[in-house]
Amino acid sequence: MLKTFGKTPVGEILRKVEASPNYRDGSFQNIVPTQMMTGDTTMLKAMWGFLNKPKNTVPPKAIPSIKTDLKDLHSIEPIIIWFGHSSYLIHINNKNILVDPVFSGNASPFSFTTKSFAGTNLYGVDDMPEIDILILTHDHYDHLDFATVVKLDAKTKQIFTSLGVAAHLLYWGIEDKKITEFDWWDTKQMGDIKLTATPARHFSGRLFKRGQALWSSFVLETGKYKIFIGSDSGYDETFKKLGEQFGGFDLAILENGQYNEGWANIHMMPEETVQAAIDLKAKVLLPVHWGKFSLSLHPWDEPIKRVTAKAAELGVKVTTPMIGEPIVLDKSYPNKKWWLDIV
């Protein structure tokens, strides 16, 4: 079996998984009942759709990007740099926090499938600075990339991830002492940085059996700043509850892409992404989970067009950086509609 498939929990990890209040009937469960396929969609229909993808799911030419020296970042305010899809670096209080890095050029267990768009691979592991905290939200291939994580290991101090994901990491040779697993609402304080795992509405699994590892969003708090690190998630009341509990966010990083009416419970539509930002009481929305891979059937640029249109209608501030273009909280929020030039 390919090592990239990972491992399901055993031993002490399995004991922790089975002790979780979110693990029932042999798998982790969402807070609200969540049917994977919605409408009249079946797995067979979904597979047929993927075998007959429209050409516009991939951009007609290379995605533009900006090369920033990630090892020479200096700012009192937090800096966020997006690498396409759901990978980004948060530089805050002289610490480097890397989220869901996928730098191998594909988002699947096989290198010849689900390839990244042309122009989106400007950054790789060698470009990364020393990583103080690596956050892995869940174990899907477009968020947990075997090749990237293994190569990053030498420059990563700590890994924070959802309960059960450690089984994959240990199998890949990552030292146990580096790994901290979070159940929902677990909190860890690291100096002046506080991280809390919060619920998402999704699922997990890398081979056949789903739900053996948890999926989490995270709340990052430090000084006067609060950042919502969203995971893949369908829309529900959780966003409103988090907005009320944490009193709003300076930035909400939310998924916006790879949606379909056939799986509407586990991925938000762009209009729901805007509503989630409102529910979270976010000052600014950064839409991610688009611009690098085609994992659905919609046009490659439809997510950003729909989310910016709805945000304009509802008065939500959106930042739309190119890959590698820095966002600096309270100072710089790139908003050029660069995707319109890709025709």
Protein backbone atom coordinates (compact mmCIF):
# COMPACT_ATOMS: atom_id res chain seq x y z
CA MET A 1 0.00 0.00 0.00
CA LEU A 2 1.24 3.50 -0.82
CA LYS A 3 2.67 5.26 2.22
CA THR A 4 0.83 8.45 1.26
CA PHE A 5 -2.46 6.77 2.21
CA GLY A 6 -1.40 6.99 5.84
CA LYS A 7 -2.69 4.90 8.73
CA THR A 8 -5.86 4.70 10.78
CA PRO A 9 -5.45 5.21 14.55
CA VAL A 10 -4.25 2.35 16.71
CA GLY A 11 -3.01 1.99 20.28
CA GLU A 12 -2.92 5.15 22.39
CA ILE A 13 -4.15 7.36 19.54
CA LEU A 14 -7.16 5.10 19.03
CA ARG A 15 -7.90 5.19 22.75
CA LYS A 16 -7.95 8.99 22.66
CA VAL A 17 -10.14 8.95 19.56
CA GLU A 18 -12.66 6.57 21.12
CA ALA A 19 -12.77 8.66 24.31
CA SER A 20 -13.81 11.80 22.41
CA PRO A 21 -17.42 12.97 22.88
CA ASN A 22 -17.41 13.66 19.14
CA TYR A 23 -16.69 10.01 18.25
CA ARG A 24 -19.78 7.81 18.11
CA ASP A 25 -20.82 4.64 16.32
CA GLY A 26 -17.32 4.01 15.03
CA SER A 27 -16.53 7.45 13.57
CA PHE A 28 -16.34 11.14 14.34
CA GLN A 29 -19.65 12.96 13.91
CA ASN A 30 -20.66 16.48 12.96
CA ILE A 31 -22.61 18.56 15.46
CA VAL A 32 -25.69 18.49 13.22
CA PRO A 33 -26.79 15.55 11.05
CA THR A 34 -24.85 15.81 7.79
CA GLN A 35 -25.75 13.80 4.71
CA MET A 36 -22.73 13.60 2.39
CA MET A 37 -24.66 13.54 -0.90
CA THR A 38 -27.46 16.10 -1.25
CA GLY A 39 -30.30 16.65 -3.69
CA ASP A 40 -30.64 13.82 -6.20
CA THR A 41 -26.88 13.27 -6.38
CA THR A 42 -25.49 9.77 -6.01
CA MET A 43 -21.88 8.63 -5.86
CA LEU A 44 -22.27 7.23 -9.37
CA LYS A 45 -23.54 10.59 -10.71
CA ALA A 46 -20.71 12.41 -8.97
CA MET A 47 -18.11 10.06 -10.48
CA TRP A 48 -19.60 10.52 -13.94
CA GLY A 49 -19.40 14.29 -13.51
CA PHE A 50 -15.71 14.10 -12.62
CA LEU A 51 -15.00 11.87 -15.60
CA ASN A 52 -16.61 14.48 -17.85
CA LYS A 53 -15.37 17.73 -16.33
CA PRO A 54 -15.95 20.95 -18.28
CA LYS A 55 -12.76 22.52 -19.67
CA ASN A 56 -13.36 25.74 -17.73
CA THR A 57 -12.62 24.02 -14.41
CA VAL A 58 -8.95 24.78 -15.25
CA PRO A 59 -7.70 28.31 -16.10
CA PRO A 60 -6.73 28.89 -19.76
CA LYS A 61 -3.30 30.23 -18.81
CA ALA A 62 -0.93 30.43 -15.85
CA ILE A 63 -2.05 31.95 -12.56
CA PRO A 64 -0.01 35.09 -11.68
CA SER A 65 1.99 35.15 -8.47
CA ILE A 66 4.41 37.32 -6.52
CA LYS A 67 7.70 36.12 -5.06
CA THR A 68 8.08 37.30 -1.47
CA ASP A 69 11.11 36.47 0.66
CA LEU A 70 9.40 34.51 3.42
CA LYS A 71 12.61 34.35 5.45
CA ASP A 72 12.79 38.12 5.71
CA LEU A 73 9.39 39.23 7.00
CA HIS A 74 9.30 42.23 9.32
CA SER A 75 6.11 43.74 10.68
CA ILE A 76 4.57 44.61 14.02
CA GLU A 77 1.21 43.70 12.51
CA PRO A 78 0.46 40.11 11.42
CA ILE A 79 1.35 39.16 7.83
CA ILE A 80 -0.58 36.50 5.92
CA ILE A 81 0.71 35.05 2.65
CA TRP A 82 -1.50 32.73 0.59
CA PHE A 83 0.02 29.98 -1.57
CA GLY A 84 -3.16 28.94 -3.37
CA HIS A 85 -5.96 26.62 -2.22
CA SER A 86 -5.88 26.38 1.60
CA SER A 87 -2.14 26.80 2.18
CA TYR A 88 -0.87 29.99 3.81
CA LEU A 89 1.73 31.39 6.17
CA ILE A 90 0.87 33.58 9.16
CA HIS A 91 3.83 35.63 10.46
CA ILE A 92 2.85 36.98 13.85
CA ASN A 93 4.89 38.11 16.86
CA ASN A 94 8.05 36.92 15.07
CA LYS A 95 6.56 33.43 14.85
CA ASN A 96 5.81 31.56 11.63
CA ILE A 97 2.59 29.55 11.50
CA LEU A 98 2.02 27.46 8.38
CA VAL A 99 -1.44 26.06 7.59
CA ASP A 100 -2.26 23.01 5.43
CA PRO A 101 0.75 23.23 3.07
CA VAL A 102 0.46 21.35 -0.23
CA PHE A 103 3.59 21.95 -2.29
CA SER A 104 3.94 18.64 -4.14
CA GLY A 105 2.06 19.80 -7.25
CA ASN A 106 -0.97 17.57 -6.80
CA ALA A 107 -3.80 16.96 -4.33
CA SER A 108 -4.18 13.20 -4.47
CA PRO A 109 -2.26 10.05 -3.56
CA PHE A 110 -1.06 9.79 -7.16
CA SER A 111 1.26 12.38 -8.73
CA PHE A 112 -0.44 12.13 -12.14
CA THR A 113 -3.90 13.18 -10.90
CA THR A 114 -5.42 16.38 -9.47
CA LYS A 115 -2.49 18.47 -10.60
CA SER A 116 -2.09 22.09 -9.54
CA PHE A 117 -2.84 24.88 -12.00
CA ALA A 118 0.02 26.30 -14.06
CA GLY A 119 1.75 29.13 -12.20
CA THR A 120 0.67 28.06 -8.71
CA ASN A 121 3.87 26.26 -7.70
CA LEU A 122 6.12 29.28 -7.19
CA TYR A 123 6.59 28.30 -3.53
CA GLY A 124 7.91 25.08 -2.07
CA VAL A 125 9.34 23.75 1.17
CA ASP A 126 12.75 25.29 0.48
CA ASP A 127 11.15 28.76 0.37
CA MET A 128 9.64 28.37 3.83
CA PRO A 129 11.27 29.93 6.90
CA GLU A 130 11.68 27.94 10.09
CA ILE A 131 8.15 26.93 11.07
CA ASP A 132 7.25 27.44 14.72
CA ILE A 133 3.78 25.92 14.34
CA LEU A 134 2.44 23.72 11.55
CA ILE A 135 -1.37 23.51 11.63
CA LEU A 136 -3.06 20.60 9.83
CA THR A 137 -6.84 21.00 9.91
CA HIS A 138 -7.75 17.51 8.66
CA ASP A 139 -6.42 14.58 6.69
CA HIS A 140 -7.76 15.08 3.15
CA TYR A 141 -5.11 15.10 0.43
CA ASP A 142 -5.61 18.76 -0.46
CA HIS A 143 -4.81 19.71 3.16
CA LEU A 144 -2.46 17.00 4.42
CA ASP A 145 0.22 16.35 1.80
CA PHE A 146 2.56 13.48 2.56
CA ALA A 147 5.50 14.73 0.48
CA THR A 148 5.29 18.27 1.84
CA VAL A 149 4.92 17.31 5.50
CA VAL A 150 7.83 14.87 5.40
CA LYS A 151 10.11 17.40 3.71
CA LEU A 152 9.02 20.14 6.14
CA ASP A 153 9.77 18.03 9.19
CA ALA A 154 13.39 19.21 9.55
CA LYS A 155 12.37 22.88 9.80
CA THR A 156 9.18 22.43 11.86
CA LYS A 157 9.19 22.84 15.64
CA GLN A 158 5.62 21.84 16.51
CA ILE A 159 2.65 20.33 14.72
CA PHE A 160 -0.90 21.03 15.87
CA THR A 161 -3.63 18.97 14.30
CA SER A 162 -7.02 17.35 14.79
CA LEU A 163 -7.49 14.24 16.90
CA GLY A 164 -6.51 11.07 15.03
CA VAL A 165 -4.31 12.73 12.38
CA ALA A 166 -1.21 11.82 14.41
CA ALA A 167 -1.61 8.23 13.19
CA HIS A 168 -0.62 9.37 9.70
CA LEU A 169 2.23 11.56 10.93
CA LEU A 170 3.80 8.88 13.12
CA TYR A 171 3.59 6.38 10.26
CA TRP A 172 5.49 8.90 8.11
CA GLY A 173 8.29 9.17 10.66
CA ILE A 174 7.35 12.39 12.46
CA GLU A 175 8.45 12.36 16.09
CA ASP A 176 5.64 12.01 18.61
CA LYS A 177 7.04 14.83 20.77
CA LYS A 178 6.40 17.32 17.96
CA ILE A 179 2.71 16.49 17.62
CA THR A 180 -0.19 17.91 19.61
CA GLU A 181 -3.69 16.68 18.78
CA PHE A 182 -6.79 18.77 19.45
CA ASP A 183 -10.35 17.72 20.06
CA TRP A 184 -12.93 20.46 19.52
CA TRP A 185 -12.55 23.18 22.18
CA ASP A 186 -9.11 22.06 23.26
CA THR A 187 -6.83 25.08 23.81
CA LYS A 188 -3.08 25.48 23.94
CA GLN A 189 -1.13 28.56 25.03
CA MET A 190 2.33 29.03 23.51
CA GLY A 191 3.83 32.19 24.97
CA ASP A 192 1.66 35.02 23.72
CA ILE A 193 -0.14 32.85 21.14
CA LYS A 194 -3.32 30.97 22.03
CA LEU A 195 -4.84 28.36 19.73
CA THR A 196 -8.28 26.79 20.12
CA ALA A 197 -9.72 24.00 17.95
CA THR A 198 -13.33 24.68 16.98
CA PRO A 199 -15.97 22.61 15.16
CA ALA A 200 -16.36 22.38 11.41
CA ARG A 201 -18.99 20.55 9.34
CA HIS A 202 -17.09 18.16 7.13
CA PHE A 203 -15.59 14.63 7.18
CA SER A 204 -12.21 12.91 6.93
CA GLY A 205 -10.50 9.91 5.39
CA ARG A 206 -7.71 9.08 2.92
CA LEU A 207 -8.67 5.61 1.71
CA PHE A 208 -11.93 3.74 2.33
CA LYS A 209 -13.01 4.33 5.92
CA ARG A 210 -14.20 7.82 6.78
CA GLY A 211 -14.36 9.63 10.10
CA GLN A 212 -11.39 8.04 11.88
CA ALA A 213 -9.72 11.43 12.39
CA LEU A 214 -11.35 14.72 13.33
CA TRP A 215 -11.68 17.87 11.20
CA SER A 216 -11.26 21.26 12.87
CA SER A 217 -11.14 24.97 12.33
CA PHE A 218 -8.91 26.97 14.69
CA VAL A 219 -9.05 30.29 16.50
CA LEU A 220 -5.71 32.07 16.76
CA GLU A 221 -5.45 34.79 19.44
CA THR A 222 -2.46 36.95 20.26
CA GLY A 223 -2.32 40.44 21.71
CA LYS A 224 -5.14 42.47 20.19
CA TYR A 225 -5.54 40.20 17.15
CA LYS A 226 -7.90 37.32 16.52
CA ILE A 227 -7.77 35.26 13.32
CA PHE A 228 -10.24 32.56 12.34
CA ILE A 229 -8.46 29.70 10.57
CA GLY A 230 -11.31 28.03 8.77
CA SER A 231 -11.32 24.43 7.68
CA ASP A 232 -13.45 22.81 5.01
CA SER A 233 -17.00 23.16 6.29
CA GLY A 234 -20.59 23.28 5.29
CA TYR A 235 -22.58 26.20 6.62
CA ASP A 236 -24.40 25.95 9.96
CA GLU A 237 -25.02 27.89 13.16
CA THR A 238 -21.49 27.23 14.44
CA PHE A 239 -20.14 30.37 12.76
CA LYS A 240 -22.63 32.60 14.57
CA LYS A 241 -21.89 30.95 17.90
CA LEU A 242 -18.15 31.42 17.39
CA GLY A 243 -18.64 35.07 16.46
CA GLU A 244 -20.56 35.65 19.67
CA GLN A 245 -18.19 33.61 21.85
CA PHE A 246 -14.97 35.23 20.61
CA GLY A 247 -16.38 38.69 20.03
CA GLY A 248 -15.45 38.91 16.36
CA PHE A 249 -12.28 38.48 14.32
CA ASP A 250 -9.79 40.75 12.61
CA LEU A 251 -9.61 38.27 9.73
CA ALA A 252 -11.68 35.23 8.78
CA ILE A 253 -9.94 32.80 6.41
CA LEU A 254 -12.78 30.75 4.96
CA GLU A 255 -13.13 28.10 2.28
CA ASN A 256 -14.64 29.28 -1.00
CA GLY A 257 -14.43 26.72 -3.73
CA GLN A 258 -14.81 23.05 -4.66
CA TYR A 259 -18.51 23.25 -3.80
CA ASN A 260 -21.42 21.59 -5.57
CA GLU A 261 -25.15 21.27 -4.95
CA GLY A 262 -24.49 17.56 -4.75
CA TRP A 263 -22.40 17.95 -1.57
CA ALA A 264 -23.81 21.19 -0.19
CA ASN A 265 -23.67 20.05 3.45
CA ILE A 266 -19.88 19.70 3.59
CA HIS A 267 -18.68 22.67 1.50
CA MET A 268 -20.13 26.18 1.58
CA MET A 269 -21.46 27.94 -1.47
CA PRO A 270 -19.73 31.33 -1.98
CA GLU A 271 -22.76 33.22 -0.70
CA GLU A 272 -22.66 31.12 2.46
CA THR A 273 -18.98 31.95 2.87
CA VAL A 274 -19.91 35.64 2.99
CA GLN A 275 -22.66 34.91 5.52
CA ALA A 276 -20.21 32.91 7.63
CA ALA A 277 -17.88 35.94 7.70
CA ILE A 278 -20.80 38.08 8.86
CA ASP A 279 -21.73 35.50 11.50
CA LEU A 280 -18.13 35.46 12.74
CA LYS A 281 -18.18 39.27 12.99
CA ALA A 282 -15.07 39.39 10.83
CA LYS A 283 -13.60 42.73 9.83
CA VAL A 284 -12.12 41.20 6.68
CA LEU A 285 -12.72 37.98 4.72
CA LEU A 286 -9.92 36.08 2.97
CA PRO A 287 -11.47 33.45 0.65
CA VAL A 288 -9.30 30.34 0.18
CA HIS A 289 -9.77 26.76 -1.12
CA TRP A 290 -9.70 27.98 -4.71
CA GLY A 291 -7.17 29.03 -7.36
CA LYS A 292 -4.90 25.96 -7.37
CA PHE A 293 -6.79 22.68 -7.83
CA SER A 294 -9.94 21.57 -9.60
CA LEU A 295 -11.80 19.39 -7.11
CA SER A 296 -15.32 20.16 -8.29
CA LEU A 297 -17.20 20.91 -11.51
CA HIS A 298 -17.57 24.69 -11.36
CA PRO A 299 -15.49 27.10 -13.48
CA TRP A 300 -12.11 27.71 -11.85
CA ASP A 301 -12.86 31.44 -11.21
CA GLU A 302 -16.53 31.14 -10.30
CA PRO A 303 -15.87 30.99 -6.52
CA ILE A 304 -14.07 34.34 -6.38
CA LYS A 305 -16.56 36.04 -8.70
CA ARG A 306 -19.53 34.88 -6.65
CA VAL A 307 -18.01 35.61 -3.25
CA THR A 308 -16.88 39.13 -4.16
CA ALA A 309 -20.27 39.92 -5.72
CA LYS A 310 -22.14 38.82 -2.60
CA ALA A 311 -19.67 40.58 -0.31
CA ALA A 312 -20.17 43.84 -2.23
CA GLU A 313 -23.92 43.44 -1.92
CA LEU A 314 -23.75 42.88 1.85
CA GLY A 315 -20.94 45.33 2.63
CA VAL A 316 -18.33 42.73 3.64
CA LYS A 317 -14.68 43.67 3.14
CA VAL A 318 -12.79 41.05 1.12
CA THR A 319 -9.08 40.75 0.43
CA THR A 320 -8.06 38.94 -2.76
CA PRO A 321 -4.28 38.64 -2.90
CA MET A 322 -2.36 36.94 -5.66
CA ILE A 323 -0.35 33.92 -4.60
CA GLY A 324 2.58 35.23 -2.57
CA GLU A 325 1.19 38.76 -2.12
CA PRO A 326 1.33 39.81 1.56
CA ILE A 327 -1.72 40.83 3.56
CA VAL A 328 -0.75 43.02 6.54
CA LEU A 329 -3.51 43.38 9.11
CA ASP A 330 -4.60 46.98 9.73
CA LYS A 331 -2.37 48.12 6.84
CA SER A 332 -2.64 46.33 3.51
CA TYR A 333 -5.50 44.29 2.06
CA PRO A 334 -4.85 43.51 -1.64
CA ASN A 335 -8.07 43.63 -3.63
CA LYS A 336 -7.14 43.67 -7.30
CA LYS A 337 -9.41 41.47 -9.45
CA TRP A 338 -6.43 39.74 -11.03
CA TRP A 339 -8.44 36.72 -12.16
CA LEU A 340 -10.20 38.86 -14.77
CA ASP A 341 -6.93 39.02 -16.73
CA ILE A 342 -6.83 35.24 -17.16
CA VAL A 343 -8.83 34.79 -20.35
